[in-house]
Amino acid sequence: MKIIADHGICEQHGLCFIVDAELFPLDDEGKIAIGEDGVEVPAGKEDLAREGVSQCPVLALQIKE
């Protein structure tokens, strides 16, 4: 499972970061700092990944199974 981010639509709400700062790191401007290839979700953090993605009000995040 991977988290994929669309940096072009991220509006810096930070709701994903509140769910889990390690899975959803932010850059100095407050935008999601996940690279273009996405980030692998560690075992046991799948539910947190889904919760963080679901919190994005502009749908800038996706889960790829």
C-alpha atoms as a PDB file:
ATOM      1  CA  MET A   1       0.000   0.000   0.000  1.00  0.00           C
ATOM      2  CA  LYS A   2       1.231   3.483  -0.930  1.00  0.00           C
ATOM      3  CA  ILE A   3       0.128   7.025  -0.233  1.00  0.00           C
ATOM      4  CA  ILE A   4       0.206   9.191  -3.355  1.00  0.00           C
ATOM      5  CA  ALA A   5       0.009  12.996  -3.184  1.00  0.00           C
ATOM      6  CA  ASP A   6      -1.013  15.557  -5.794  1.00  0.00           C
ATOM      7  CA  HIS A   7       1.114  18.544  -4.833  1.00  0.00           C
ATOM      8  CA  GLY A   8      -0.665  20.784  -7.313  1.00  0.00           C
ATOM      9  CA  ILE A   9      -3.936  20.687  -5.412  1.00  0.00           C
ATOM     10  CA  CYS A  10      -2.669  20.524  -1.823  1.00  0.00           C
ATOM     11  CA  GLU A  11      -3.983  23.608   0.009  1.00  0.00           C
ATOM     12  CA  GLN A  12      -1.975  23.157   3.215  1.00  0.00           C
ATOM     13  CA  HIS A  13      -4.887  22.308   5.502  1.00  0.00           C
ATOM     14  CA  GLY A  14      -2.660  19.857   7.418  1.00  0.00           C
ATOM     15  CA  LEU A  15      -5.496  17.566   8.491  1.00  0.00           C
ATOM     16  CA  CYS A  16      -3.551  14.522   7.275  1.00  0.00           C
ATOM     17  CA  PHE A  17      -0.554  15.604   9.369  1.00  0.00           C
ATOM     18  CA  ILE A  18      -2.771  15.766  12.466  1.00  0.00           C
ATOM     19  CA  VAL A  19      -3.731  12.115  11.906  1.00  0.00           C
ATOM     20  CA  ASP A  20      -0.103  10.944  11.637  1.00  0.00           C
ATOM     21  CA  ALA A  21       2.889  13.245  11.231  1.00  0.00           C
ATOM     22  CA  GLU A  22       5.190  10.411  10.140  1.00  0.00           C
ATOM     23  CA  LEU A  23       2.935   9.192   7.328  1.00  0.00           C
ATOM     24  CA  PHE A  24       2.017  12.696   6.183  1.00  0.00           C
ATOM     25  CA  PRO A  25       5.076  14.933   6.591  1.00  0.00           C
ATOM     26  CA  LEU A  26       4.769  18.585   5.621  1.00  0.00           C
ATOM     27  CA  ASP A  27       7.400  20.802   4.009  1.00  0.00           C
ATOM     28  CA  ASP A  28       8.432  24.246   5.261  1.00  0.00           C
ATOM     29  CA  GLU A  29       5.426  25.800   3.512  1.00  0.00           C
ATOM     30  CA  GLY A  30       2.963  23.354   5.071  1.00  0.00           C
ATOM     31  CA  LYS A  31       2.375  21.320   1.904  1.00  0.00           C
ATOM     32  CA  ILE A  32       2.491  17.539   1.889  1.00  0.00           C
ATOM     33  CA  ALA A  33       6.105  16.371   1.535  1.00  0.00           C
ATOM     34  CA  ILE A  34       5.490  12.970  -0.033  1.00  0.00           C
ATOM     35  CA  GLY A  35       7.596  12.436  -3.163  1.00  0.00           C
ATOM     36  CA  GLU A  36       6.227  11.896  -6.669  1.00  0.00           C
ATOM     37  CA  ASP A  37       6.538   8.121  -6.322  1.00  0.00           C
ATOM     38  CA  GLY A  38       4.503   8.108  -3.128  1.00  0.00           C
ATOM     39  CA  VAL A  39       5.435   6.517   0.152  1.00  0.00           C
ATOM     40  CA  GLU A  40       5.012   2.935   1.336  1.00  0.00           C
ATOM     41  CA  VAL A  41       2.760   2.543   4.352  1.00  0.00           C
ATOM     42  CA  PRO A  42       4.459   0.520   7.094  1.00  0.00           C
ATOM     43  CA  ALA A  43       2.691  -2.613   8.304  1.00  0.00           C
ATOM     44  CA  GLY A  44       0.197  -1.802  11.015  1.00  0.00           C
ATOM     45  CA  LYS A  45      -0.374   1.784   9.840  1.00  0.00           C
ATOM     46  CA  GLU A  46      -2.872   1.017   7.082  1.00  0.00           C
ATOM     47  CA  ASP A  47      -5.867   2.332   9.027  1.00  0.00           C
ATOM     48  CA  LEU A  48      -4.033   5.564   9.865  1.00  0.00           C
ATOM     49  CA  ALA A  49      -3.103   5.976   6.202  1.00  0.00           C
ATOM     50  CA  ARG A  50      -6.738   5.596   5.133  1.00  0.00           C
ATOM     51  CA  GLU A  51      -7.879   8.009   7.848  1.00  0.00           C
ATOM     52  CA  GLY A  52      -5.320  10.649   6.868  1.00  0.00           C
ATOM     53  CA  VAL A  53      -6.227  10.381   3.187  1.00  0.00           C
ATOM     54  CA  SER A  54      -9.923  10.669   4.005  1.00  0.00           C
ATOM     55  CA  GLN A  55      -9.310  13.892   5.959  1.00  0.00           C
ATOM     56  CA  CYS A  56      -8.016  15.822   2.920  1.00  0.00           C
ATOM     57  CA  PRO A  57     -10.788  18.269   1.961  1.00  0.00           C
ATOM     58  CA  VAL A  58      -9.395  18.800  -1.565  1.00  0.00           C
ATOM     59  CA  LEU A  59      -8.674  15.115  -2.324  1.00  0.00           C
ATOM     60  CA  ALA A  60      -4.935  15.706  -2.798  1.00  0.00           C
ATOM     61  CA  LEU A  61      -4.144  12.259  -1.364  1.00  0.00           C
ATOM     62  CA  GLN A  62      -4.853   8.738  -2.605  1.00  0.00           C
ATOM     63  CA  ILE A  63      -4.185   5.185  -1.499  1.00  0.00           C
ATOM     64  CA  LYS A  64      -2.747   2.748  -4.048  1.00  0.00           C
ATOM     65  CA  GLU A  65      -3.087  -0.874  -2.994  1.00  0.00           C
END
